[in-house]
C-alpha atoms as a PDB file:
ATOM      1  CA  MET A   1     129.341-212.447 -81.037  1.00  0.00           C
ATOM      2  CA  SER A   2     126.964-209.594 -80.435  1.00  0.00           C
ATOM      3  CA  PRO A   3     126.617-208.069 -76.956  1.00  0.00           C
ATOM      4  CA  ASP A   4     123.025-209.373 -76.829  1.00  0.00           C
ATOM      5  CA  THR A   5     124.148-212.947 -77.539  1.00  0.00           C
ATOM      6  CA  LEU A   6     126.932-212.713 -74.956  1.00  0.00           C
ATOM      7  CA  PHE A   7     124.450-211.252 -72.442  1.00  0.00           C
ATOM      8  CA  THR A   8     122.074-214.174 -72.968  1.00  0.00           C
ATOM      9  CA  SER A   9     124.893-216.720 -72.721  1.00  0.00           C
ATOM     10  CA  ALA A  10     126.377-215.165 -69.579  1.00  0.00           C
ATOM     11  CA  ASN A  11     122.949-215.078 -67.919  1.00  0.00           C
ATOM     12  CA  PHE A  12     122.339-218.721 -68.847  1.00  0.00           C
ATOM     13  CA  PHE A  13     125.611-219.898 -67.330  1.00  0.00           C
ATOM     14  CA  ALA A  14     125.175-217.758 -64.229  1.00  0.00           C
ATOM     15  CA  MET A  15     121.668-219.144 -63.699  1.00  0.00           C
ATOM     16  CA  LEU A  16     123.036-222.667 -64.175  1.00  0.00           C
ATOM     17  CA  GLY A  17     125.659-221.904 -61.534  1.00  0.00           C
ATOM     18  CA  TRP A  18     123.046-220.696 -59.046  1.00  0.00           C
ATOM     19  CA  ILE A  19     120.872-223.758 -59.651  1.00  0.00           C
ATOM     20  CA  VAL A  20     123.885-225.982 -59.011  1.00  0.00           C
ATOM     21  CA  LEU A  21     124.644-224.129 -55.765  1.00  0.00           C
ATOM     22  CA  ILE A  22     121.100-224.544 -54.515  1.00  0.00           C
ATOM     23  CA  ILE A  23     120.692-228.238 -55.412  1.00  0.00           C
ATOM     24  CA  SER A  24     124.323-229.307 -54.860  1.00  0.00           C
ATOM     25  CA  PRO A  25     123.671-231.260 -51.641  1.00  0.00           C
ATOM     26  CA  LEU A  26     121.612-233.722 -53.680  1.00  0.00           C
ATOM     27  CA  HIS A  27     124.548-235.158 -55.599  1.00  0.00           C
ATOM     28  CA  LYS A  28     128.277-235.636 -54.922  1.00  0.00           C
ATOM     29  CA  TYR A  29     129.250-234.581 -58.475  1.00  0.00           C
ATOM     30  CA  LEU A  30     127.409-231.288 -58.084  1.00  0.00           C
ATOM     31  CA  ARG A  31     129.126-230.651 -54.732  1.00  0.00           C
ATOM     32  CA  ASN A  32     132.480-231.142 -56.448  1.00  0.00           C
ATOM     33  CA  LEU A  33     131.455-228.889 -59.341  1.00  0.00           C
ATOM     34  CA  VAL A  34     130.649-226.094 -56.880  1.00  0.00           C
ATOM     35  CA  ASN A  35     134.142-226.401 -55.410  1.00  0.00           C
ATOM     36  CA  THR A  36     135.804-225.913 -58.808  1.00  0.00           C
ATOM     37  CA  ALA A  37     134.204-222.500 -59.457  1.00  0.00           C
ATOM     38  CA  VAL A  38     134.131-223.299 -63.192  1.00  0.00           C
ATOM     39  CA  ILE A  39     131.349-220.879 -64.071  1.00  0.00           C
ATOM     40  CA  PRO A  40     132.790-217.840 -62.236  1.00  0.00           C
ATOM     41  CA  ILE A  41     136.091-218.556 -63.993  1.00  0.00           C
ATOM     42  CA  LEU A  42     134.358-218.661 -67.388  1.00  0.00           C
ATOM     43  CA  LEU A  43     132.520-215.440 -66.597  1.00  0.00           C
ATOM     44  CA  GLY A  44     135.832-213.923 -65.532  1.00  0.00           C
ATOM     45  CA  ALA A  45     137.325-214.869 -68.901  1.00  0.00           C
ATOM     46  CA  LEU A  46     134.384-213.234 -70.704  1.00  0.00           C
ATOM     47  CA  TYR A  47     134.835-210.138 -68.546  1.00  0.00           C
ATOM     48  CA  ALA A  48     138.543-209.980 -69.397  1.00  0.00           C
ATOM     49  CA  TYR A  49     137.726-210.301 -73.099  1.00  0.00           C
ATOM     50  CA  LEU A  50     135.227-207.436 -72.891  1.00  0.00           C
ATOM     51  CA  ILE A  51     137.508-205.168 -70.872  1.00  0.00           C
ATOM     52  CA  ILE A  52     140.557-205.797 -73.051  1.00  0.00           C
ATOM     53  CA  GLY A  53     138.561-205.483 -76.250  1.00  0.00           C
ATOM     54  CA  TYR A  54     136.273-202.550 -75.522  1.00  0.00           C
ATOM     55  CA  PHE A  55     137.097-200.598 -72.372  1.00  0.00           C
ATOM     56  CA  GLY A  56     139.505-198.257 -74.148  1.00  0.00           C
ATOM     57  CA  GLN A  57     136.867-197.406 -76.749  1.00  0.00           C
ATOM     58  CA  ALA A  58     134.362-196.041 -74.245  1.00  0.00           C
ATOM     59  CA  GLU A  59     134.082-192.489 -73.025  1.00  0.00           C
ATOM     60  CA  GLY A  60     133.703-191.741 -69.345  1.00  0.00           C
ATOM     61  CA  GLY A  61     135.413-193.088 -66.279  1.00  0.00           C
ATOM     62  CA  PHE A  62     135.006-193.600 -62.539  1.00  0.00           C
ATOM     63  CA  GLY A  63     135.575-190.052 -61.241  1.00  0.00           C
ATOM     64  CA  SER A  64     131.912-189.097 -60.955  1.00  0.00           C
ATOM     65  CA  LEU A  65     128.488-190.593 -61.376  1.00  0.00           C
ATOM     66  CA  GLN A  66     128.156-188.771 -64.697  1.00  0.00           C
ATOM     67  CA  GLU A  67     131.434-190.303 -65.929  1.00  0.00           C
ATOM     68  CA  VAL A  68     130.248-193.780 -64.942  1.00  0.00           C
ATOM     69  CA  LYS A  69     126.965-193.161 -66.747  1.00  0.00           C
ATOM     70  CA  SER A  70     128.886-192.125 -69.848  1.00  0.00           C
ATOM     71  CA  LEU A  71     131.181-195.151 -69.577  1.00  0.00           C
ATOM     72  CA  PHE A  72     128.256-197.569 -69.428  1.00  0.00           C
ATOM     73  CA  ALA A  73     126.583-195.963 -72.453  1.00  0.00           C
ATOM     74  CA  ASN A  74     128.827-198.290 -74.496  1.00  0.00           C
ATOM     75  CA  ASP A  75     126.983-201.645 -74.807  1.00  0.00           C
ATOM     76  CA  ASN A  76     130.148-203.735 -74.529  1.00  0.00           C
ATOM     77  CA  VAL A  77     131.307-201.927 -71.395  1.00  0.00           C
ATOM     78  CA  LEU A  78     127.790-202.166 -69.955  1.00  0.00           C
ATOM     79  CA  LEU A  79     127.892-205.908 -70.660  1.00  0.00           C
ATOM     80  CA  ALA A  80     131.296-206.111 -68.961  1.00  0.00           C
ATOM     81  CA  GLY A  81     129.772-204.441 -65.903  1.00  0.00           C
ATOM     82  CA  TRP A  82     126.907-206.928 -65.892  1.00  0.00           C
ATOM     83  CA  VAL A  83     129.265-209.897 -66.258  1.00  0.00           C
ATOM     84  CA  HIS A  84     131.304-208.433 -63.383  1.00  0.00           C
ATOM     85  CA  TYR A  85     128.198-208.648 -61.187  1.00  0.00           C
ATOM     86  CA  LEU A  86     127.350-212.140 -62.382  1.00  0.00           C
ATOM     87  CA  ALA A  87     130.858-213.480 -61.762  1.00  0.00           C
ATOM     88  CA  PHE A  88     131.402-211.873 -58.370  1.00  0.00           C
ATOM     89  CA  ASP A  89     127.954-212.643 -56.978  1.00  0.00           C
ATOM     90  CA  LEU A  90     128.273-216.277 -58.077  1.00  0.00           C
ATOM     91  CA  TRP A  91     131.764-216.461 -56.584  1.00  0.00           C
ATOM     92  CA  VAL A  92     130.437-215.049 -53.299  1.00  0.00           C
ATOM     93  CA  GLY A  93     127.562-217.551 -53.339  1.00  0.00           C
ATOM     94  CA  SER A  94     130.035-220.374 -53.935  1.00  0.00           C
ATOM     95  CA  TRP A  95     132.197-219.122 -51.071  1.00  0.00           C
ATOM     96  CA  GLU A  96     129.164-218.840 -48.779  1.00  0.00           C
ATOM     97  CA  LEU A  97     128.175-222.403 -49.548  1.00  0.00           C
ATOM     98  CA  GLY A  98     131.677-223.815 -49.044  1.00  0.00           C
ATOM     99  CA  ASP A  99     132.141-221.833 -45.834  1.00  0.00           C
ATOM    100  CA  SER A 100     128.764-222.940 -44.509  1.00  0.00           C
ATOM    101  CA  ARG A 101     129.655-226.588 -45.133  1.00  0.00           C
ATOM    102  CA  LYS A 102     132.932-226.214 -43.210  1.00  0.00           C
ATOM    103  CA  ARG A 103     131.008-224.694 -40.327  1.00  0.00           C
ATOM    104  CA  GLY A 104     128.194-227.268 -40.354  1.00  0.00           C
ATOM    105  CA  ILE A 105     125.446-224.800 -41.268  1.00  0.00           C
ATOM    106  CA  ASN A 106     122.354-226.546 -42.620  1.00  0.00           C
ATOM    107  CA  HIS A 107     121.886-226.159 -46.360  1.00  0.00           C
ATOM    108  CA  PHE A 108     118.228-225.208 -46.040  1.00  0.00           C
ATOM    109  CA  ILE A 109     119.293-222.183 -43.977  1.00  0.00           C
ATOM    110  CA  MET A 110     121.634-221.287 -46.833  1.00  0.00           C
ATOM    111  CA  ILE A 111     118.974-221.187 -49.551  1.00  0.00           C
ATOM    112  CA  PRO A 112     117.622-217.713 -48.593  1.00  0.00           C
ATOM    113  CA  CYS A 113     121.207-216.434 -48.352  1.00  0.00           C
ATOM    114  CA  LEU A 114     122.002-217.800 -51.801  1.00  0.00           C
ATOM    115  CA  LEU A 115     118.816-216.399 -53.328  1.00  0.00           C
ATOM    116  CA  LEU A 116     119.487-212.974 -51.836  1.00  0.00           C
ATOM    117  CA  THR A 117     123.117-213.089 -52.984  1.00  0.00           C
ATOM    118  CA  PHE A 118     121.883-213.974 -56.466  1.00  0.00           C
ATOM    119  CA  MET A 119     119.410-211.090 -56.583  1.00  0.00           C
ATOM    120  CA  PHE A 120     120.971-208.468 -54.311  1.00  0.00           C
ATOM    121  CA  GLY A 121     124.636-209.507 -53.796  1.00  0.00           C
ATOM    122  CA  PRO A 122     125.749-207.707 -50.629  1.00  0.00           C
ATOM    123  CA  ILE A 123     122.412-208.250 -48.851  1.00  0.00           C
ATOM    124  CA  GLY A 124     122.752-212.021 -49.262  1.00  0.00           C
ATOM    125  CA  LEU A 125     126.346-211.898 -48.026  1.00  0.00           C
ATOM    126  CA  LEU A 126     125.265-209.786 -45.063  1.00  0.00           C
ATOM    127  CA  LEU A 127     122.514-212.266 -44.175  1.00  0.00           C
ATOM    128  CA  TYR A 128     124.955-215.174 -44.415  1.00  0.00           C
ATOM    129  CA  LEU A 129     127.529-213.438 -42.203  1.00  0.00           C
ATOM    130  CA  ILE A 130     124.845-212.660 -39.603  1.00  0.00           C
ATOM    131  CA  ILE A 131     123.607-216.269 -39.633  1.00  0.00           C
ATOM    132  CA  ARG A 132     127.167-217.579 -39.483  1.00  0.00           C
ATOM    133  CA  SER A 133     127.965-215.340 -36.491  1.00  0.00           C
ATOM    134  CA  PHE A 134     124.778-216.412 -34.737  1.00  0.00           C
ATOM    135  CA  ILE A 135     125.342-220.149 -35.324  1.00  0.00           C
ATOM    136  CA  THR A 136     129.087-220.212 -34.633  1.00  0.00           C
ATOM    137  CA  LYS A 137     128.843-217.705 -31.769  1.00  0.00           C
ATOM    138  CA  LYS A 138     131.844-215.870 -33.240  1.00  0.00           C
ATOM    139  CA  ALA A 139     132.058-212.358 -34.568  1.00  0.00           C
ATOM    140  CA  VAL A 140     132.927-212.143 -38.231  1.00  0.00           C
ATOM    141  CA  ALA A 141     136.480-210.954 -38.830  1.00  0.00           C
ATOM    142  CA  HIS A 142     138.857-211.164 -41.774  1.00  0.00           C
ATOM    143  CA  ASP A 143     141.102-213.603 -39.960  1.00  0.00           C
ATOM    144  CA  ASN A 144     138.347-216.233 -39.722  1.00  0.00           C
ATOM    145  CA  PHE A 145     137.287-216.230 -43.351  1.00  0.00           C
END
């Protein structure tokens, strides 16, 4: 498949995953689907395929901004980077939702967190962690994830 086709497919499945996260309280099956993390796993498999198949063919590296720019000049490596974002942001959104359910945080409060995680990853996670700390009256620490 071409990088453009894989890009379109990955975006479709990621968007489907985000829709499921947002509407999951409406149906038990969707709640269970969120818990399985099927879509992040599929995106992870696509990422592995791209890295194994194309990473060694690209110039550049991670030692400087210029090297990263050169690395991502390869369409397949650029796609791998994009899929990396899609998979991790969706995984974080899934974690946020599951964690919020365990802590009794209202789903409607979660929607802005999920939307921000979808669009701006770390900002959505930051908002969720602030809300979680405020609601639970506990500071966020690694040992209470």
